[in-house]
Amino acid sequence: MAALHGLPIMAADVMNAYVTAPNKEKIWTTLGPEFGSDCGKKAIIVRALYGLKSAGAAFHSHLGECMRNLGYKPCLADPDL
């Protein structure tokens, strides 16, 4: 579509995308043996980690907020753009 109208195309990749977004729900875990002397302690997860059901939605919301703060607006035809 862009080529038909002579529009430029830009793309980007966000390294470790999900961990840039804050987690919006209270999730805690018990630390495993890889945490050494902290093994068995409870930890609160504050970032949207891969594997969490809510991680995709948290990143989508965080990215949208960042883009709006930069002055971008969602496309009327596809609000995810």
C-alpha atoms as a PDB file:
ATOM      1  CA  MET A   1       0.000   0.000   0.000  1.00  0.00           C
ATOM      2  CA  ALA A   2       2.801   2.413   0.924  1.00  0.00           C
ATOM      3  CA  ALA A   3       4.638   1.705  -2.326  1.00  0.00           C
ATOM      4  CA  LEU A   4       1.501   2.446  -4.361  1.00  0.00           C
ATOM      5  CA  HIS A   5       1.279   5.884  -2.761  1.00  0.00           C
ATOM      6  CA  GLY A   6       5.011   6.620  -2.706  1.00  0.00           C
ATOM      7  CA  LEU A   7       5.157   6.659   1.097  1.00  0.00           C
ATOM      8  CA  PRO A   8       8.318   5.806   3.041  1.00  0.00           C
ATOM      9  CA  ILE A   9       8.340   2.680   5.204  1.00  0.00           C
ATOM     10  CA  MET A  10      10.079   2.567   8.581  1.00  0.00           C
ATOM     11  CA  ALA A  11      10.495  -0.378  10.950  1.00  0.00           C
ATOM     12  CA  ALA A  12      12.155  -0.968  14.309  1.00  0.00           C
ATOM     13  CA  ASP A  13      12.825  -3.740  16.783  1.00  0.00           C
ATOM     14  CA  VAL A  14      12.709  -3.317  20.548  1.00  0.00           C
ATOM     15  CA  MET A  15      15.307  -5.489  22.281  1.00  0.00           C
ATOM     16  CA  ASN A  16      13.832  -7.308  25.300  1.00  0.00           C
ATOM     17  CA  ALA A  17      10.543  -5.576  24.577  1.00  0.00           C
ATOM     18  CA  TYR A  18       8.376  -7.016  27.327  1.00  0.00           C
ATOM     19  CA  VAL A  19      10.775  -6.200  30.177  1.00  0.00           C
ATOM     20  CA  THR A  20      10.562  -2.495  29.297  1.00  0.00           C
ATOM     21  CA  ALA A  21       6.888  -2.441  30.329  1.00  0.00           C
ATOM     22  CA  PRO A  22       5.790  -2.217  33.951  1.00  0.00           C
ATOM     23  CA  ASN A  23       3.604  -5.023  35.235  1.00  0.00           C
ATOM     24  CA  LYS A  24       0.113  -3.810  36.133  1.00  0.00           C
ATOM     25  CA  GLU A  25      -0.846  -6.665  38.439  1.00  0.00           C
ATOM     26  CA  LYS A  26       0.564  -8.052  41.661  1.00  0.00           C
ATOM     27  CA  ILE A  27       2.557 -11.175  40.820  1.00  0.00           C
ATOM     28  CA  TRP A  28       4.989 -12.829  43.173  1.00  0.00           C
ATOM     29  CA  THR A  29       7.166 -15.914  43.020  1.00  0.00           C
ATOM     30  CA  THR A  30       9.462 -17.973  45.209  1.00  0.00           C
ATOM     31  CA  LEU A  31      13.127 -17.613  44.256  1.00  0.00           C
ATOM     32  CA  GLY A  32      14.907 -20.769  43.123  1.00  0.00           C
ATOM     33  CA  PRO A  33      18.390 -22.140  43.858  1.00  0.00           C
ATOM     34  CA  GLU A  34      19.954 -19.955  41.142  1.00  0.00           C
ATOM     35  CA  PHE A  35      19.490 -16.994  43.533  1.00  0.00           C
ATOM     36  CA  GLY A  36      21.973 -18.443  46.036  1.00  0.00           C
ATOM     37  CA  SER A  37      21.427 -17.266  49.608  1.00  0.00           C
ATOM     38  CA  ASP A  38      18.077 -15.691  48.569  1.00  0.00           C
ATOM     39  CA  CYS A  39      16.690 -19.116  47.562  1.00  0.00           C
ATOM     40  CA  GLY A  40      13.218 -19.642  49.010  1.00  0.00           C
ATOM     41  CA  LYS A  41      12.523 -15.940  49.522  1.00  0.00           C
ATOM     42  CA  LYS A  42       9.468 -14.308  47.956  1.00  0.00           C
ATOM     43  CA  ALA A  43       9.915 -11.767  45.137  1.00  0.00           C
ATOM     44  CA  ILE A  44       7.460  -9.385  43.485  1.00  0.00           C
ATOM     45  CA  ILE A  45       7.636  -9.251  39.686  1.00  0.00           C
ATOM     46  CA  VAL A  46       7.547  -5.591  38.623  1.00  0.00           C
ATOM     47  CA  ARG A  47       8.181  -5.974  34.865  1.00  0.00           C
ATOM     48  CA  ALA A  48       6.147  -7.766  32.212  1.00  0.00           C
ATOM     49  CA  LEU A  49       8.217 -10.924  31.764  1.00  0.00           C
ATOM     50  CA  TYR A  50       7.949 -13.295  28.805  1.00  0.00           C
ATOM     51  CA  GLY A  51       5.578 -16.081  29.723  1.00  0.00           C
ATOM     52  CA  LEU A  52       3.171 -14.002  31.798  1.00  0.00           C
ATOM     53  CA  LYS A  53      -0.328 -13.990  30.324  1.00  0.00           C
ATOM     54  CA  SER A  54      -0.527 -10.220  30.696  1.00  0.00           C
ATOM     55  CA  ALA A  55       2.927  -9.425  29.242  1.00  0.00           C
ATOM     56  CA  GLY A  56       1.732  -8.721  25.691  1.00  0.00           C
ATOM     57  CA  ALA A  57      -1.050  -6.409  26.836  1.00  0.00           C
ATOM     58  CA  ALA A  58       1.292  -4.600  29.250  1.00  0.00           C
ATOM     59  CA  PHE A  59       3.847  -3.975  26.490  1.00  0.00           C
ATOM     60  CA  HIS A  60       1.133  -2.882  24.035  1.00  0.00           C
ATOM     61  CA  SER A  61      -0.160  -0.347  26.563  1.00  0.00           C
ATOM     62  CA  HIS A  62       3.342   0.873  27.459  1.00  0.00           C
ATOM     63  CA  LEU A  63       4.384   1.296  23.805  1.00  0.00           C
ATOM     64  CA  GLY A  64       1.141   3.127  22.975  1.00  0.00           C
ATOM     65  CA  GLU A  65       1.676   5.531  25.875  1.00  0.00           C
ATOM     66  CA  CYS A  66       5.291   6.184  24.812  1.00  0.00           C
ATOM     67  CA  MET A  67       4.244   6.852  21.219  1.00  0.00           C
ATOM     68  CA  ARG A  68       1.459   9.241  22.319  1.00  0.00           C
ATOM     69  CA  ASN A  69       3.977  11.088  24.528  1.00  0.00           C
ATOM     70  CA  LEU A  70       6.143  11.542  21.412  1.00  0.00           C
ATOM     71  CA  GLY A  71       3.203  13.144  19.604  1.00  0.00           C
ATOM     72  CA  TYR A  72       2.018  10.182  17.524  1.00  0.00           C
ATOM     73  CA  LYS A  73      -1.693   9.365  17.205  1.00  0.00           C
ATOM     74  CA  PRO A  74      -3.320   5.995  16.469  1.00  0.00           C
ATOM     75  CA  CYS A  75      -4.530   5.364  12.920  1.00  0.00           C
ATOM     76  CA  LEU A  76      -8.325   5.511  12.640  1.00  0.00           C
ATOM     77  CA  ALA A  77      -8.403   2.443  10.391  1.00  0.00           C
ATOM     78  CA  ASP A  78      -6.181   0.372  12.713  1.00  0.00           C
ATOM     79  CA  PRO A  79      -5.742   1.681  16.276  1.00  0.00           C
ATOM     80  CA  ASP A  80      -2.726  -0.597  16.797  1.00  0.00           C
ATOM     81  CA  LEU A  81      -0.707   1.465  14.308  1.00  0.00           C
END
